[in-house]
Amino acid sequence: AESYVPALQSNDGADLGLALVNPTLTEASVTVTARSYDGAIIQADGITNPVSVTLPASSQFAKRAAEL
């Protein structure tokens, strides 16, 4: 299944975070891709994008964007 998150805008004083929950009894694989407002994948030195996360069954994942 695919899900899309609406556009988010941070400013210099903001800290963007992401939280995911897997309420199922099976492992879930998630790919998070950060895109600019024109739809281009954000790329720069030191940035890994997209990021893949594996969520074990009945688990949660919470990170600041800088930690991804």
C-alpha atoms as a PDB file:
ATOM      1  CA  ALA A   1       0.000   0.000   0.000  1.00  0.00           C
ATOM      2  CA  GLU A   2       1.146   3.557  -0.622  1.00  0.00           C
ATOM      3  CA  SER A   3       0.536   6.592   1.563  1.00  0.00           C
ATOM      4  CA  TYR A   4       1.372  10.212   0.907  1.00  0.00           C
ATOM      5  CA  VAL A   5       2.081  12.904   3.475  1.00  0.00           C
ATOM      6  CA  PRO A   6       1.066  16.473   2.649  1.00  0.00           C
ATOM      7  CA  ALA A   7       3.685  19.122   2.033  1.00  0.00           C
ATOM      8  CA  LEU A   8       5.362  20.304   5.206  1.00  0.00           C
ATOM      9  CA  GLN A   9       7.280  23.501   5.623  1.00  0.00           C
ATOM     10  CA  SER A  10       9.792  24.116   8.353  1.00  0.00           C
ATOM     11  CA  ASN A  11      11.498  27.359   9.241  1.00  0.00           C
ATOM     12  CA  ASP A  12      14.861  28.050  10.825  1.00  0.00           C
ATOM     13  CA  GLY A  13      13.498  27.529  14.347  1.00  0.00           C
ATOM     14  CA  ALA A  14      11.506  24.379  13.565  1.00  0.00           C
ATOM     15  CA  ASP A  15      12.517  20.755  13.925  1.00  0.00           C
ATOM     16  CA  LEU A  16      10.654  18.381  11.620  1.00  0.00           C
ATOM     17  CA  GLY A  17       9.940  14.855  12.837  1.00  0.00           C
ATOM     18  CA  LEU A  18       8.326  11.672  11.577  1.00  0.00           C
ATOM     19  CA  ALA A  19       6.512   8.956  13.527  1.00  0.00           C
ATOM     20  CA  LEU A  20       5.404   5.617  12.070  1.00  0.00           C
ATOM     21  CA  VAL A  21       3.406   2.830  13.718  1.00  0.00           C
ATOM     22  CA  ASN A  22       3.046  -0.792  12.637  1.00  0.00           C
ATOM     23  CA  PRO A  23       0.020  -2.212  14.486  1.00  0.00           C
ATOM     24  CA  THR A  24       0.059  -5.475  12.509  1.00  0.00           C
ATOM     25  CA  LEU A  25       1.465  -8.849  13.482  1.00  0.00           C
ATOM     26  CA  THR A  26       3.924  -8.844  10.567  1.00  0.00           C
ATOM     27  CA  GLU A  27       7.027  -6.811   9.736  1.00  0.00           C
ATOM     28  CA  ALA A  28       6.489  -3.771   7.502  1.00  0.00           C
ATOM     29  CA  SER A  29       8.964  -2.117   5.135  1.00  0.00           C
ATOM     30  CA  VAL A  30       8.597   1.625   4.616  1.00  0.00           C
ATOM     31  CA  THR A  31      10.384   3.907   2.175  1.00  0.00           C
ATOM     32  CA  VAL A  32      10.364   7.628   2.994  1.00  0.00           C
ATOM     33  CA  THR A  33      11.210  10.030   0.166  1.00  0.00           C
ATOM     34  CA  ALA A  34      11.607  13.772   0.773  1.00  0.00           C
ATOM     35  CA  ARG A  35      10.614  15.897  -2.204  1.00  0.00           C
ATOM     36  CA  SER A  36      10.721  19.595  -2.962  1.00  0.00           C
ATOM     37  CA  TYR A  37       7.533  21.514  -3.760  1.00  0.00           C
ATOM     38  CA  ASP A  38       8.081  20.867  -7.488  1.00  0.00           C
ATOM     39  CA  GLY A  39       8.237  17.095  -6.874  1.00  0.00           C
ATOM     40  CA  ALA A  40      11.999  16.634  -7.285  1.00  0.00           C
ATOM     41  CA  ILE A  41      13.768  14.313  -4.843  1.00  0.00           C
ATOM     42  CA  ILE A  42      15.806  16.416  -2.405  1.00  0.00           C
ATOM     43  CA  GLN A  43      19.512  15.689  -2.789  1.00  0.00           C
ATOM     44  CA  ALA A  44      22.599  17.193  -1.171  1.00  0.00           C
ATOM     45  CA  ASP A  45      25.876  16.123   0.408  1.00  0.00           C
ATOM     46  CA  GLY A  46      25.230  14.281   3.656  1.00  0.00           C
ATOM     47  CA  ILE A  47      21.571  13.539   2.851  1.00  0.00           C
ATOM     48  CA  THR A  48      20.336   9.984   2.333  1.00  0.00           C
ATOM     49  CA  ASN A  49      17.113  10.149   0.351  1.00  0.00           C
ATOM     50  CA  PRO A  50      15.065   8.023   0.084  1.00  0.00           C
ATOM     51  CA  VAL A  51      15.370   6.248   3.435  1.00  0.00           C
ATOM     52  CA  SER A  52      14.155   2.676   4.017  1.00  0.00           C
ATOM     53  CA  VAL A  53      12.901   1.620   7.445  1.00  0.00           C
ATOM     54  CA  THR A  54      11.826  -1.842   8.598  1.00  0.00           C
ATOM     55  CA  LEU A  55       9.235  -1.815  11.354  1.00  0.00           C
ATOM     56  CA  PRO A  56       8.914  -5.032  13.358  1.00  0.00           C
ATOM     57  CA  ALA A  57       5.412  -6.256  14.172  1.00  0.00           C
ATOM     58  CA  SER A  58       3.576  -4.178  16.791  1.00  0.00           C
ATOM     59  CA  SER A  59       6.247  -1.475  16.910  1.00  0.00           C
ATOM     60  CA  GLN A  60       6.739   2.233  16.418  1.00  0.00           C
ATOM     61  CA  PHE A  61       9.441   4.462  14.966  1.00  0.00           C
ATOM     62  CA  ALA A  62       9.979   8.147  15.734  1.00  0.00           C
ATOM     63  CA  LYS A  63      12.895  10.273  14.535  1.00  0.00           C
ATOM     64  CA  ARG A  64      13.722  13.866  13.767  1.00  0.00           C
ATOM     65  CA  ALA A  65      14.297  14.467  10.053  1.00  0.00           C
ATOM     66  CA  ALA A  66      17.973  15.160  10.754  1.00  0.00           C
ATOM     67  CA  GLU A  67      18.305  11.667  12.283  1.00  0.00           C
ATOM     68  CA  LEU A  68      17.035   9.915   9.170  1.00  0.00           C
END
